[in-house]
Amino acid sequence: MNARLAALAGGVAVAAAGLLKLLRRRASFPVESPPGDPRADELRRKLAESRSVVGEQDEFETAETPIDAVEPVDVDERRRSLHERGRAAVDEMRRGNGE
């Protein structure tokens, strides 16, 4: 008797989940606003603008170098070069002050 009740409860739960999914799918379709609604027109304008920005972003990202195509950098060499440039800048500033 308990097995039958459990099977019935499971069937009801599955049916309820399917019905809920169907209702959510129908509710997700856009609802048309009445013509001339200024809020809807503003939202449509913003949506069209954002779509063009996404296209520009995709175009910009194609020009970027992918991370796996970047040549590895020797950190120690980079550090030495940076310190040398810093020392040269300090020396030049000191020469400019008359020291």
C-alpha atoms as a PDB file:
ATOM      1  CA  MET A   1       0.000   0.000   0.000  1.00  0.00           C
ATOM      2  CA  ASN A   2       2.820   2.454   0.854  1.00  0.00           C
ATOM      3  CA  ALA A   3       4.597   1.701  -2.430  1.00  0.00           C
ATOM      4  CA  ARG A   4       1.466   2.612  -4.388  1.00  0.00           C
ATOM      5  CA  LEU A   5       1.089   5.855  -2.453  1.00  0.00           C
ATOM      6  CA  ALA A   6       4.750   6.724  -3.055  1.00  0.00           C
ATOM      7  CA  ALA A   7       4.408   6.015  -6.800  1.00  0.00           C
ATOM      8  CA  LEU A   8       1.274   8.170  -6.976  1.00  0.00           C
ATOM      9  CA  ALA A   9       2.982  11.024  -5.116  1.00  0.00           C
ATOM     10  CA  GLY A  10       6.005  10.764  -7.434  1.00  0.00           C
ATOM     11  CA  GLY A  11       3.775  10.874 -10.497  1.00  0.00           C
ATOM     12  CA  VAL A  12       1.974  13.938  -9.194  1.00  0.00           C
ATOM     13  CA  ALA A  13       5.318  15.654  -8.498  1.00  0.00           C
ATOM     14  CA  VAL A  14       6.609  14.913 -12.007  1.00  0.00           C
ATOM     15  CA  ALA A  15       3.372  16.172 -13.564  1.00  0.00           C
ATOM     16  CA  ALA A  16       3.513  19.356 -11.474  1.00  0.00           C
ATOM     17  CA  ALA A  17       7.127  19.982 -12.479  1.00  0.00           C
ATOM     18  CA  GLY A  18       6.265  19.523 -16.157  1.00  0.00           C
ATOM     19  CA  LEU A  19       3.301  21.872 -15.871  1.00  0.00           C
ATOM     20  CA  LEU A  20       5.431  24.475 -14.100  1.00  0.00           C
ATOM     21  CA  LYS A  21       8.082  24.249 -16.810  1.00  0.00           C
ATOM     22  CA  LEU A  22       5.452  24.659 -19.523  1.00  0.00           C
ATOM     23  CA  LEU A  23       3.966  27.703 -17.807  1.00  0.00           C
ATOM     24  CA  ARG A  24       7.379  29.321 -17.366  1.00  0.00           C
ATOM     25  CA  ARG A  25       8.210  28.749 -21.026  1.00  0.00           C
ATOM     26  CA  ARG A  26       4.982  30.442 -22.127  1.00  0.00           C
ATOM     27  CA  ALA A  27       5.528  33.348 -19.737  1.00  0.00           C
ATOM     28  CA  SER A  28       9.029  34.016 -21.114  1.00  0.00           C
ATOM     29  CA  PHE A  29       7.741  35.163 -24.524  1.00  0.00           C
ATOM     30  CA  PRO A  30       7.848  38.937 -24.875  1.00  0.00           C
ATOM     31  CA  VAL A  31       4.582  40.722 -24.429  1.00  0.00           C
ATOM     32  CA  GLU A  32       3.825  43.367 -26.991  1.00  0.00           C
ATOM     33  CA  SER A  33       3.290  46.813 -25.551  1.00  0.00           C
ATOM     34  CA  PRO A  34       0.622  49.112 -26.884  1.00  0.00           C
ATOM     35  CA  PRO A  35       1.808  51.276 -29.775  1.00  0.00           C
ATOM     36  CA  GLY A  36       3.160  54.654 -28.771  1.00  0.00           C
ATOM     37  CA  ASP A  37       4.246  53.634 -25.255  1.00  0.00           C
ATOM     38  CA  PRO A  38       7.240  55.943 -24.628  1.00  0.00           C
ATOM     39  CA  ARG A  39       8.821  53.599 -22.074  1.00  0.00           C
ATOM     40  CA  ALA A  40       8.738  50.703 -24.518  1.00  0.00           C
ATOM     41  CA  ASP A  41      10.189  52.865 -27.289  1.00  0.00           C
ATOM     42  CA  GLU A  42      13.021  53.965 -24.977  1.00  0.00           C
ATOM     43  CA  LEU A  43      13.773  50.352 -24.018  1.00  0.00           C
ATOM     44  CA  ARG A  44      13.794  49.291 -27.665  1.00  0.00           C
ATOM     45  CA  ARG A  45      16.229  52.106 -28.473  1.00  0.00           C
ATOM     46  CA  LYS A  46      18.536  51.072 -25.617  1.00  0.00           C
ATOM     47  CA  LEU A  47      18.361  47.434 -26.694  1.00  0.00           C
ATOM     48  CA  ALA A  48      19.291  48.302 -30.277  1.00  0.00           C
ATOM     49  CA  GLU A  49      22.169  50.442 -28.992  1.00  0.00           C
ATOM     50  CA  SER A  50      23.469  47.665 -26.763  1.00  0.00           C
ATOM     51  CA  ARG A  51      23.378  45.200 -29.644  1.00  0.00           C
ATOM     52  CA  SER A  52      25.591  47.484 -31.706  1.00  0.00           C
ATOM     53  CA  VAL A  53      28.008  47.810 -28.775  1.00  0.00           C
ATOM     54  CA  VAL A  54      28.242  44.009 -28.550  1.00  0.00           C
ATOM     55  CA  GLY A  55      29.165  43.885 -32.235  1.00  0.00           C
ATOM     56  CA  GLU A  56      31.863  46.499 -31.700  1.00  0.00           C
ATOM     57  CA  GLN A  57      33.181  44.577 -28.692  1.00  0.00           C
ATOM     58  CA  ASP A  58      33.453  41.377 -30.729  1.00  0.00           C
ATOM     59  CA  GLU A  59      35.331  43.284 -33.435  1.00  0.00           C
ATOM     60  CA  PHE A  60      37.688  44.771 -30.823  1.00  0.00           C
ATOM     61  CA  GLU A  61      38.370  41.397 -29.211  1.00  0.00           C
ATOM     62  CA  THR A  62      39.369  39.828 -32.527  1.00  0.00           C
ATOM     63  CA  ALA A  63      42.310  42.262 -32.661  1.00  0.00           C
ATOM     64  CA  GLU A  64      43.608  41.120 -29.271  1.00  0.00           C
ATOM     65  CA  THR A  65      46.379  38.563 -29.006  1.00  0.00           C
ATOM     66  CA  PRO A  66      45.165  35.341 -27.399  1.00  0.00           C
ATOM     67  CA  ILE A  67      46.991  34.369 -24.218  1.00  0.00           C
ATOM     68  CA  ASP A  68      48.328  31.136 -25.699  1.00  0.00           C
ATOM     69  CA  ALA A  69      49.892  33.071 -28.623  1.00  0.00           C
ATOM     70  CA  VAL A  70      51.896  35.428 -26.406  1.00  0.00           C
ATOM     71  CA  GLU A  71      55.602  34.729 -26.222  1.00  0.00           C
ATOM     72  CA  PRO A  72      56.847  33.922 -22.713  1.00  0.00           C
ATOM     73  CA  VAL A  73      58.788  36.682 -20.992  1.00  0.00           C
ATOM     74  CA  ASP A  74      61.917  36.130 -18.927  1.00  0.00           C
ATOM     75  CA  VAL A  75      60.960  37.781 -15.650  1.00  0.00           C
ATOM     76  CA  ASP A  76      64.536  38.288 -14.444  1.00  0.00           C
ATOM     77  CA  GLU A  77      65.551  39.956 -17.709  1.00  0.00           C
ATOM     78  CA  ARG A  78      62.456  42.161 -17.582  1.00  0.00           C
ATOM     79  CA  ARG A  79      63.245  43.136 -13.977  1.00  0.00           C
ATOM     80  CA  ARG A  80      66.882  43.993 -14.840  1.00  0.00           C
ATOM     81  CA  SER A  81      65.790  46.113 -17.790  1.00  0.00           C
ATOM     82  CA  LEU A  82      63.265  47.987 -15.662  1.00  0.00           C
ATOM     83  CA  HIS A  83      65.818  48.704 -12.940  1.00  0.00           C
ATOM     84  CA  GLU A  84      68.335  49.943 -15.525  1.00  0.00           C
ATOM     85  CA  ARG A  85      65.760  52.331 -16.988  1.00  0.00           C
ATOM     86  CA  GLY A  86      64.898  53.549 -13.494  1.00  0.00           C
ATOM     87  CA  ARG A  87      68.536  54.150 -12.598  1.00  0.00           C
ATOM     88  CA  ALA A  88      69.088  56.009 -15.881  1.00  0.00           C
ATOM     89  CA  ALA A  89      66.073  58.220 -15.165  1.00  0.00           C
ATOM     90  CA  VAL A  90      67.356  58.981 -11.639  1.00  0.00           C
ATOM     91  CA  ASP A  91      70.834  59.801 -12.988  1.00  0.00           C
ATOM     92  CA  GLU A  92      69.353  62.156 -15.568  1.00  0.00           C
ATOM     93  CA  MET A  93      67.241  63.921 -12.945  1.00  0.00           C
ATOM     94  CA  ARG A  94      70.278  64.363 -10.709  1.00  0.00           C
ATOM     95  CA  ARG A  95      72.281  65.823 -13.608  1.00  0.00           C
ATOM     96  CA  GLY A  96      69.434  68.259 -14.281  1.00  0.00           C
ATOM     97  CA  ASN A  97      69.606  69.563 -10.675  1.00  0.00           C
ATOM     98  CA  GLY A  98      73.317  70.293 -10.965  1.00  0.00           C
ATOM     99  CA  GLU A  99      74.563  67.503  -8.702  1.00  0.00           C
END
